[in-house]
Amino acid sequence: MKKIIVLMMLFSITFINRATADGTNNSSQYTKIEMIINKPLNNEYERSLDLPIIEAIWYSNIRQMEVTLYNIGDAEVYIVNSQNQVISSTTVPTDTPTTLHMNVAGGQGTYYIVVMSEEWYAEGEFTL
């Protein structure tokens, strides 16, 4: 009986280590990007119960940015390096809550995420 318990424990430890090594169970390596948000570019913004959402989370273990947007109009999202070169970009509608994932292929350094729409502008900084 003791042999079975020891074998089960060894199997469990091996499974946990393998899941952590390939990144499937490594959710702790993320950073919420502090976005500096400029309020509406025009003063005609109506107050409503549907507040706008502009959030970004950087997952360093998989080099991916998760961006969540809502209620800011059609938005352009850019990832820019410190030399002001666009690394990745996309345009998305935000009439429903939208979450997109953008891969960051580049060397070490400082990068910026920029979100722009007709009425909103936001940016944040992260490093590789």
Protein backbone atom coordinates (compact mmCIF):
# COMPACT_ATOMS: atom_id res chain seq x y z
CA MET A 1 0.00 0.00 0.00
CA LYS A 2 2.84 2.38 0.84
CA LYS A 3 4.42 1.70 -2.56
CA ILE A 4 1.21 2.74 -4.34
CA ILE A 5 0.99 5.98 -2.36
CA VAL A 6 4.66 6.79 -3.08
CA LEU A 7 4.16 6.07 -6.80
CA MET A 8 1.08 8.33 -6.89
CA MET A 9 3.00 11.14 -5.18
CA LEU A 10 5.90 10.82 -7.63
CA PHE A 11 3.49 10.87 -10.57
CA SER A 12 1.78 14.00 -9.17
CA ILE A 13 5.08 15.82 -8.67
CA THR A 14 6.23 14.93 -12.18
CA PHE A 15 2.95 16.14 -13.70
CA ILE A 16 3.05 19.45 -11.80
CA ASN A 17 6.68 20.08 -12.79
CA ARG A 18 5.98 19.31 -16.46
CA ALA A 19 2.94 21.64 -16.54
CA THR A 20 5.00 24.45 -15.02
CA ALA A 21 7.94 23.91 -17.39
CA ASP A 22 5.84 24.27 -20.55
CA GLY A 23 4.02 27.35 -19.25
CA THR A 24 0.54 25.83 -19.07
CA ASN A 25 0.28 26.33 -15.34
CA ASN A 26 2.35 29.50 -14.99
CA SER A 27 -0.28 32.22 -14.67
CA SER A 28 1.67 34.25 -12.10
CA GLN A 29 4.01 35.83 -14.67
CA TYR A 30 1.84 38.73 -15.70
CA THR A 31 1.89 42.46 -15.14
CA LYS A 32 -1.07 44.78 -15.37
CA ILE A 33 0.06 47.77 -17.41
CA GLU A 34 -0.75 51.14 -15.87
CA MET A 35 -2.55 52.93 -18.69
CA ILE A 36 -2.47 56.72 -18.76
CA ILE A 37 -5.87 57.58 -20.16
CA ASN A 38 -6.82 60.95 -21.58
CA LYS A 39 -10.50 61.56 -21.15
CA PRO A 40 -12.62 62.11 -24.24
CA LEU A 41 -10.93 64.28 -26.81
CA ASN A 42 -14.13 66.27 -27.23
CA ASN A 43 -16.37 67.51 -24.44
CA GLU A 44 -19.48 65.84 -25.81
CA TYR A 45 -19.01 62.59 -23.90
CA GLU A 46 -22.28 61.47 -22.34
CA ARG A 47 -22.34 59.91 -18.93
CA SER A 48 -23.91 56.50 -19.02
CA LEU A 49 -23.97 53.26 -17.12
CA ASP A 50 -21.71 51.72 -19.78
CA LEU A 51 -18.37 53.03 -18.62
CA PRO A 52 -15.46 52.70 -21.02
CA ILE A 53 -12.82 50.05 -20.39
CA ILE A 54 -9.19 50.32 -21.46
CA GLU A 55 -6.99 47.69 -19.80
CA ALA A 56 -3.76 45.94 -20.73
CA ILE A 57 -1.98 42.98 -19.15
CA TRP A 58 1.54 41.86 -20.16
CA TYR A 59 2.29 38.11 -19.95
CA SER A 60 6.09 37.95 -19.90
CA ASN A 61 6.31 34.14 -19.95
CA ILE A 62 4.59 33.96 -23.36
CA ARG A 63 5.52 37.48 -24.61
CA GLN A 64 1.91 38.42 -25.19
CA MET A 65 -0.18 41.51 -24.46
CA GLU A 66 -3.84 41.10 -23.53
CA VAL A 67 -5.91 44.21 -24.22
CA THR A 68 -9.53 44.63 -23.09
CA LEU A 69 -11.56 47.47 -24.58
CA TYR A 70 -15.18 48.54 -24.34
CA ASN A 71 -17.31 51.52 -25.26
CA ILE A 72 -14.61 53.73 -26.81
CA GLY A 73 -15.62 53.43 -30.47
CA ASP A 74 -13.50 51.80 -33.17
CA ALA A 75 -10.06 51.60 -31.62
CA GLU A 76 -6.59 51.30 -33.06
CA VAL A 77 -4.13 49.43 -30.85
CA TYR A 78 -0.36 49.68 -31.38
CA ILE A 79 2.68 48.18 -29.72
CA VAL A 80 5.64 50.49 -30.34
CA ASN A 81 9.31 50.08 -29.43
CA SER A 82 11.55 52.79 -27.96
CA GLN A 83 12.68 53.81 -31.47
CA ASN A 84 9.03 54.64 -32.27
CA GLN A 85 8.69 51.67 -34.65
CA VAL A 86 5.33 49.88 -34.72
CA ILE A 87 5.87 46.23 -33.73
CA SER A 88 2.22 45.16 -33.89
CA SER A 89 -1.10 46.86 -34.62
CA THR A 90 -4.78 46.14 -35.09
CA THR A 91 -8.14 47.91 -35.33
CA VAL A 92 -11.15 46.63 -33.37
CA PRO A 93 -14.75 47.72 -32.74
CA THR A 94 -15.56 48.12 -29.05
CA ASP A 95 -19.35 48.27 -29.01
CA THR A 96 -19.20 44.98 -27.08
CA PRO A 97 -16.45 44.10 -24.60
CA THR A 98 -13.46 43.01 -26.68
CA THR A 99 -10.33 41.21 -25.53
CA LEU A 100 -7.49 40.78 -27.98
CA HIS A 101 -4.06 39.20 -27.70
CA MET A 102 -1.02 40.68 -29.41
CA ASN A 103 2.33 38.92 -29.65
CA VAL A 104 5.45 40.99 -29.06
CA ALA A 105 8.41 39.86 -31.17
CA GLY A 106 11.38 42.02 -30.36
CA GLY A 107 14.53 42.31 -28.33
CA GLN A 108 14.91 43.51 -24.80
CA GLY A 109 13.97 47.09 -24.13
CA THR A 110 11.12 49.45 -23.40
CA TYR A 111 7.87 49.15 -25.33
CA TYR A 112 4.65 51.13 -25.34
CA ILE A 113 1.05 50.13 -25.90
CA VAL A 114 -1.07 52.86 -27.48
CA VAL A 115 -4.87 52.78 -27.78
CA MET A 116 -6.57 55.44 -29.90
CA SER A 117 -10.12 56.07 -31.01
CA GLU A 118 -11.92 59.18 -32.19
CA GLU A 119 -12.65 60.19 -28.61
CA TRP A 120 -10.14 58.35 -26.40
CA TYR A 121 -6.36 58.02 -26.13
CA ALA A 122 -4.42 55.81 -23.72
CA GLU A 123 -0.85 54.58 -23.45
CA GLY A 124 1.19 52.38 -21.17
CA GLU A 125 4.80 51.24 -20.89
CA PHE A 126 6.33 47.80 -20.36
CA THR A 127 9.76 46.20 -20.69
CA LEU A 128 11.05 42.93 -22.06
